[in-house]
């Protein structure tokens, strides 16, 4: 079950949603709008060949998840 990040096309709220199947209707938790865009997720990765030069991702304090301080959308 993948977790997708969305932004509401109506009110611009960022939110995450577990998607059980591709036909599942996704509604904004703030305005109940059904027009949403999937966002690219921010994640950390390192390249084994140049791991010494890779920058690590450290979320800011205050939580995680979209708009929780570590997603980079603000």
N, C-alpha and C. Protein backbone atom coordinates (compact mmCIF):
# COMPACT_ATOMS: atom_id res chain seq x y z
N UNK A 1 0.83 -1.18 0.00
CA UNK A 1 0.00 0.00 0.00
C UNK A 1 0.88 1.24 0.00
N UNK A 2 0.99 1.89 -1.12
CA UNK A 2 1.83 3.09 -1.19
C UNK A 2 1.15 4.30 -0.56
N UNK A 3 1.99 5.18 -0.02
CA UNK A 3 1.51 6.46 0.50
C UNK A 3 1.89 7.52 -0.53
N UNK A 4 0.91 8.26 -1.00
CA UNK A 4 1.14 9.31 -1.98
C UNK A 4 0.97 10.67 -1.33
N UNK A 5 1.69 11.66 -1.84
CA UNK A 5 1.55 13.03 -1.40
C UNK A 5 0.74 13.78 -2.46
N UNK A 6 -0.21 14.58 -2.02
CA UNK A 6 -1.09 15.31 -2.92
C UNK A 6 -1.11 16.78 -2.54
N UNK A 7 -1.53 17.62 -3.49
CA UNK A 7 -1.88 19.01 -3.21
C UNK A 7 -3.25 19.22 -3.83
N UNK A 8 -4.14 19.83 -3.06
CA UNK A 8 -5.50 20.09 -3.53
C UNK A 8 -5.47 21.22 -4.55
N UNK A 9 -6.09 21.01 -5.70
CA UNK A 9 -6.12 22.03 -6.74
C UNK A 9 -7.03 23.21 -6.37
N UNK A 10 -7.95 22.99 -5.41
CA UNK A 10 -8.87 24.05 -5.03
C UNK A 10 -8.32 24.95 -3.92
N UNK A 11 -7.81 24.34 -2.82
CA UNK A 11 -7.38 25.15 -1.67
C UNK A 11 -5.88 25.09 -1.41
N UNK A 12 -5.12 24.36 -2.24
CA UNK A 12 -3.66 24.26 -2.15
C UNK A 12 -3.16 23.58 -0.88
N UNK A 13 -4.01 22.80 -0.19
CA UNK A 13 -3.60 22.05 0.99
C UNK A 13 -2.75 20.86 0.56
N UNK A 14 -1.63 20.63 1.25
CA UNK A 14 -0.78 19.47 1.02
C UNK A 14 -1.17 18.38 2.00
N UNK A 15 -1.31 17.14 1.52
CA UNK A 15 -1.67 16.03 2.40
C UNK A 15 -1.16 14.72 1.83
N UNK A 16 -1.12 13.70 2.70
CA UNK A 16 -0.70 12.36 2.32
C UNK A 16 -1.88 11.42 2.41
N UNK A 17 -1.87 10.37 1.59
CA UNK A 17 -2.97 9.42 1.60
C UNK A 17 -2.46 8.04 1.25
N UNK A 18 -2.88 7.03 2.01
CA UNK A 18 -2.59 5.64 1.65
C UNK A 18 -3.57 5.25 0.57
N UNK A 19 -3.06 4.70 -0.53
CA UNK A 19 -3.91 4.35 -1.66
C UNK A 19 -4.00 2.82 -1.73
N UNK A 20 -5.21 2.32 -1.58
CA UNK A 20 -5.43 0.88 -1.60
C UNK A 20 -5.58 0.34 -3.02
N UNK A 21 -6.16 1.14 -3.92
CA UNK A 21 -6.24 0.77 -5.33
C UNK A 21 -6.32 2.04 -6.17
N UNK A 22 -6.00 1.92 -7.44
CA UNK A 22 -5.91 3.10 -8.31
C UNK A 22 -7.25 3.75 -8.61
N UNK A 23 -8.34 3.06 -8.36
CA UNK A 23 -9.66 3.64 -8.62
C UNK A 23 -10.23 4.36 -7.40
N UNK A 24 -9.49 4.34 -6.28
CA UNK A 24 -9.93 5.00 -5.06
C UNK A 24 -10.04 6.50 -5.28
N UNK A 25 -11.17 7.08 -4.86
CA UNK A 25 -11.35 8.52 -4.98
C UNK A 25 -10.65 9.22 -3.82
N UNK A 26 -9.85 10.23 -4.12
CA UNK A 26 -9.08 10.96 -3.12
C UNK A 26 -9.74 12.31 -2.90
N UNK A 27 -10.06 12.61 -1.63
CA UNK A 27 -10.68 13.90 -1.30
C UNK A 27 -9.77 14.68 -0.36
N UNK A 28 -9.71 15.97 -0.54
CA UNK A 28 -8.91 16.85 0.32
C UNK A 28 -9.48 16.84 1.74
N UNK A 29 -8.62 16.68 2.75
CA UNK A 29 -9.11 16.68 4.13
C UNK A 29 -9.59 18.06 4.61
N UNK A 30 -9.19 19.14 3.93
CA UNK A 30 -9.58 20.48 4.35
C UNK A 30 -10.89 20.94 3.73
N UNK A 31 -11.00 20.77 2.40
CA UNK A 31 -12.19 21.30 1.71
C UNK A 31 -13.04 20.23 1.04
N UNK A 32 -12.62 18.97 1.12
CA UNK A 32 -13.31 17.83 0.50
C UNK A 32 -13.28 17.89 -1.02
N UNK A 33 -12.41 18.75 -1.58
CA UNK A 33 -12.27 18.82 -3.03
C UNK A 33 -11.71 17.52 -3.59
N UNK A 34 -12.14 17.18 -4.78
CA UNK A 34 -11.73 15.93 -5.40
C UNK A 34 -10.75 16.13 -6.55
N UNK A 35 -10.32 17.39 -6.77
CA UNK A 35 -9.33 17.68 -7.80
C UNK A 35 -7.99 17.86 -7.11
N UNK A 36 -7.14 16.82 -7.19
CA UNK A 36 -5.86 16.81 -6.50
C UNK A 36 -4.76 16.44 -7.48
N UNK A 37 -3.56 16.92 -7.20
CA UNK A 37 -2.39 16.59 -8.01
C UNK A 37 -1.40 15.81 -7.16
N UNK A 38 -0.86 14.73 -7.70
CA UNK A 38 0.15 13.95 -7.00
C UNK A 38 1.46 14.72 -7.05
N UNK A 39 2.15 14.79 -5.91
CA UNK A 39 3.42 15.49 -5.80
C UNK A 39 4.57 14.50 -5.79
N UNK A 40 5.73 14.97 -6.19
CA UNK A 40 6.93 14.15 -6.07
C UNK A 40 7.35 14.11 -4.61
N UNK A 41 7.66 12.94 -4.12
CA UNK A 41 8.06 12.79 -2.73
C UNK A 41 9.52 13.19 -2.57
N UNK A 42 9.84 13.77 -1.42
CA UNK A 42 11.21 14.10 -1.07
C UNK A 42 11.72 12.94 -0.22
N UNK A 43 12.83 12.36 -0.64
CA UNK A 43 13.39 11.25 0.12
C UNK A 43 14.90 11.34 0.08
N UNK A 44 15.52 10.64 0.98
CA UNK A 44 16.97 10.65 1.07
C UNK A 44 17.54 9.42 0.39
N UNK A 45 18.63 9.61 -0.30
CA UNK A 45 19.31 8.47 -0.91
C UNK A 45 20.80 8.78 -0.96
N UNK A 46 21.58 7.72 -0.99
CA UNK A 46 23.01 7.89 -1.15
C UNK A 46 23.47 7.03 -2.29
N UNK A 47 24.50 7.46 -2.94
CA UNK A 47 25.08 6.72 -4.04
C UNK A 47 26.29 5.98 -3.49
N UNK A 48 26.30 4.67 -3.60
CA UNK A 48 27.37 3.87 -3.02
C UNK A 48 28.73 4.23 -3.61
N UNK A 49 28.77 4.66 -4.87
CA UNK A 49 30.05 4.96 -5.49
C UNK A 49 30.68 6.25 -4.98
N UNK A 50 29.84 7.20 -4.55
CA UNK A 50 30.40 8.45 -4.02
C UNK A 50 29.67 8.85 -2.74
N UNK A 51 29.49 7.90 -1.85
CA UNK A 51 28.78 8.14 -0.60
C UNK A 51 29.40 9.23 0.24
N UNK A 52 30.70 9.43 0.12
CA UNK A 52 31.37 10.46 0.91
C UNK A 52 30.93 11.86 0.49
N UNK A 53 30.50 12.01 -0.77
CA UNK A 53 30.09 13.31 -1.26
C UNK A 53 28.58 13.52 -1.19
N UNK A 54 27.84 12.47 -0.84
CA UNK A 54 26.38 12.57 -0.80
C UNK A 54 25.96 13.39 0.41
N UNK A 55 24.97 14.26 0.22
CA UNK A 55 24.44 15.05 1.32
C UNK A 55 23.29 14.27 1.94
N UNK A 56 23.22 14.25 3.24
CA UNK A 56 22.14 13.54 3.90
C UNK A 56 20.99 14.50 4.16
N UNK A 57 19.80 13.94 4.20
CA UNK A 57 18.59 14.70 4.45
C UNK A 57 18.28 14.63 5.93
N UNK A 58 18.17 15.76 6.57
CA UNK A 58 17.84 15.82 7.98
C UNK A 58 16.62 16.70 8.14
N UNK A 59 15.45 16.09 8.45
CA UNK A 59 14.26 16.91 8.60
C UNK A 59 14.39 17.88 9.77
N UNK A 60 13.77 19.03 9.64
CA UNK A 60 13.81 20.00 10.71
C UNK A 60 12.95 19.50 11.87
N UNK A 61 13.18 20.05 13.04
CA UNK A 61 12.41 19.61 14.20
C UNK A 61 10.96 19.99 14.03
N UNK A 62 10.09 19.25 14.66
CA UNK A 62 8.68 19.57 14.60
C UNK A 62 7.87 18.53 13.88
N UNK A 63 8.44 17.41 13.53
CA UNK A 63 7.63 16.36 12.93
C UNK A 63 8.06 16.04 11.52
N UNK A 64 7.35 15.18 10.90
CA UNK A 64 7.65 14.77 9.54
C UNK A 64 6.39 14.79 8.70
N UNK A 65 6.48 14.22 7.55
CA UNK A 65 5.34 14.22 6.64
C UNK A 65 5.22 15.52 5.92
N UNK A 66 4.34 15.59 5.01
CA UNK A 66 4.16 16.79 4.20
C UNK A 66 3.74 17.97 5.06
N UNK A 67 4.42 19.05 4.94
CA UNK A 67 4.20 20.30 5.67
C UNK A 67 4.39 20.12 7.17
N UNK A 68 5.01 19.01 7.59
CA UNK A 68 5.29 18.80 9.00
C UNK A 68 6.70 19.22 9.35
N UNK A 69 7.40 19.84 8.42
CA UNK A 69 8.71 20.34 8.72
C UNK A 69 9.80 19.71 7.90
N UNK A 70 9.61 18.51 7.36
CA UNK A 70 10.69 17.86 6.69
C UNK A 70 10.47 17.57 5.21
N UNK A 71 9.34 17.95 4.67
CA UNK A 71 9.08 17.55 3.29
C UNK A 71 9.66 18.52 2.27
N UNK A 72 10.01 19.72 2.65
CA UNK A 72 10.61 20.67 1.73
C UNK A 72 9.62 21.42 0.86
N UNK A 73 8.34 21.31 1.12
CA UNK A 73 7.36 21.99 0.26
C UNK A 73 7.18 23.45 0.64
N UNK A 74 7.69 23.87 1.76
CA UNK A 74 7.57 25.28 2.14
C UNK A 74 8.87 25.99 1.98
